[in-house]
Amino acid sequence: MRPAAIIRDLDLLRPIYRQTASYGHFGRNDLDLPWEKTDRVEDLKKYLK
């Protein structure tokens, strides 16, 4: 959960933010935003125990 790892894992250097500039990103199924994915829930649960 280091900043560099978060940037890498969520691909935050990819210029995709313009898509969220209007209408936001909550509840939108038409965008493929890496921070909306839940595929690492189990990994995060391990850190919380």
Protein backbone atom coordinates (compact mmCIF):
# COMPACT_ATOMS: atom_id res chain seq x y z
CA MET A 1 0.00 0.00 0.00
CA ARG A 2 2.86 2.37 -0.75
CA PRO A 3 2.02 5.40 -2.91
CA ALA A 4 4.14 4.15 -5.82
CA ALA A 5 2.43 0.75 -5.72
CA ILE A 6 -1.02 2.33 -5.64
CA ILE A 7 -0.14 4.52 -8.63
CA ARG A 8 1.18 1.47 -10.50
CA ASP A 9 -1.66 -0.91 -9.58
CA LEU A 10 -4.42 1.57 -10.39
CA ASP A 11 -2.62 2.85 -13.49
CA LEU A 12 -3.08 6.42 -12.29
CA LEU A 13 -0.59 7.89 -14.75
CA ARG A 14 -2.85 6.94 -17.66
CA PRO A 15 -4.78 10.06 -18.77
CA ILE A 16 -8.35 8.86 -18.19
CA TYR A 17 -9.58 11.63 -15.92
CA ARG A 18 -11.28 13.68 -18.64
CA GLN A 19 -14.02 11.03 -18.76
CA THR A 20 -14.90 11.79 -15.14
CA ALA A 21 -14.82 15.59 -15.50
CA SER A 22 -18.53 15.71 -16.29
CA TYR A 23 -21.13 13.68 -14.42
CA GLY A 24 -18.47 12.29 -12.07
CA HIS A 25 -17.71 8.60 -11.80
CA PHE A 26 -19.99 7.23 -9.07
CA GLY A 27 -22.53 4.74 -10.33
CA ARG A 28 -21.38 4.85 -13.93
CA ASN A 29 -21.06 1.51 -15.67
CA ASP A 30 -19.84 2.95 -18.97
CA LEU A 31 -16.35 3.73 -17.64
CA ASP A 32 -13.63 1.21 -16.87
CA LEU A 33 -12.00 2.92 -13.89
CA PRO A 34 -9.37 0.90 -12.02
CA TRP A 35 -10.23 2.37 -8.61
CA GLU A 36 -13.82 1.11 -8.92
CA LYS A 37 -12.78 -2.55 -9.25
CA THR A 38 -13.22 -4.88 -6.30
CA ASP A 39 -10.89 -7.68 -7.38
CA ARG A 40 -8.47 -7.08 -4.48
CA VAL A 41 -10.96 -7.19 -1.61
CA GLU A 42 -9.54 -10.41 -0.20
CA ASP A 43 -5.99 -9.00 -0.30
CA LEU A 44 -7.12 -5.93 1.64
CA LYS A 45 -8.96 -8.03 4.21
CA LYS A 46 -5.70 -9.83 5.02
CA TYR A 47 -4.08 -6.52 5.94
CA LEU A 48 -6.97 -5.55 8.22
CA LYS A 49 -6.80 -8.64 10.42
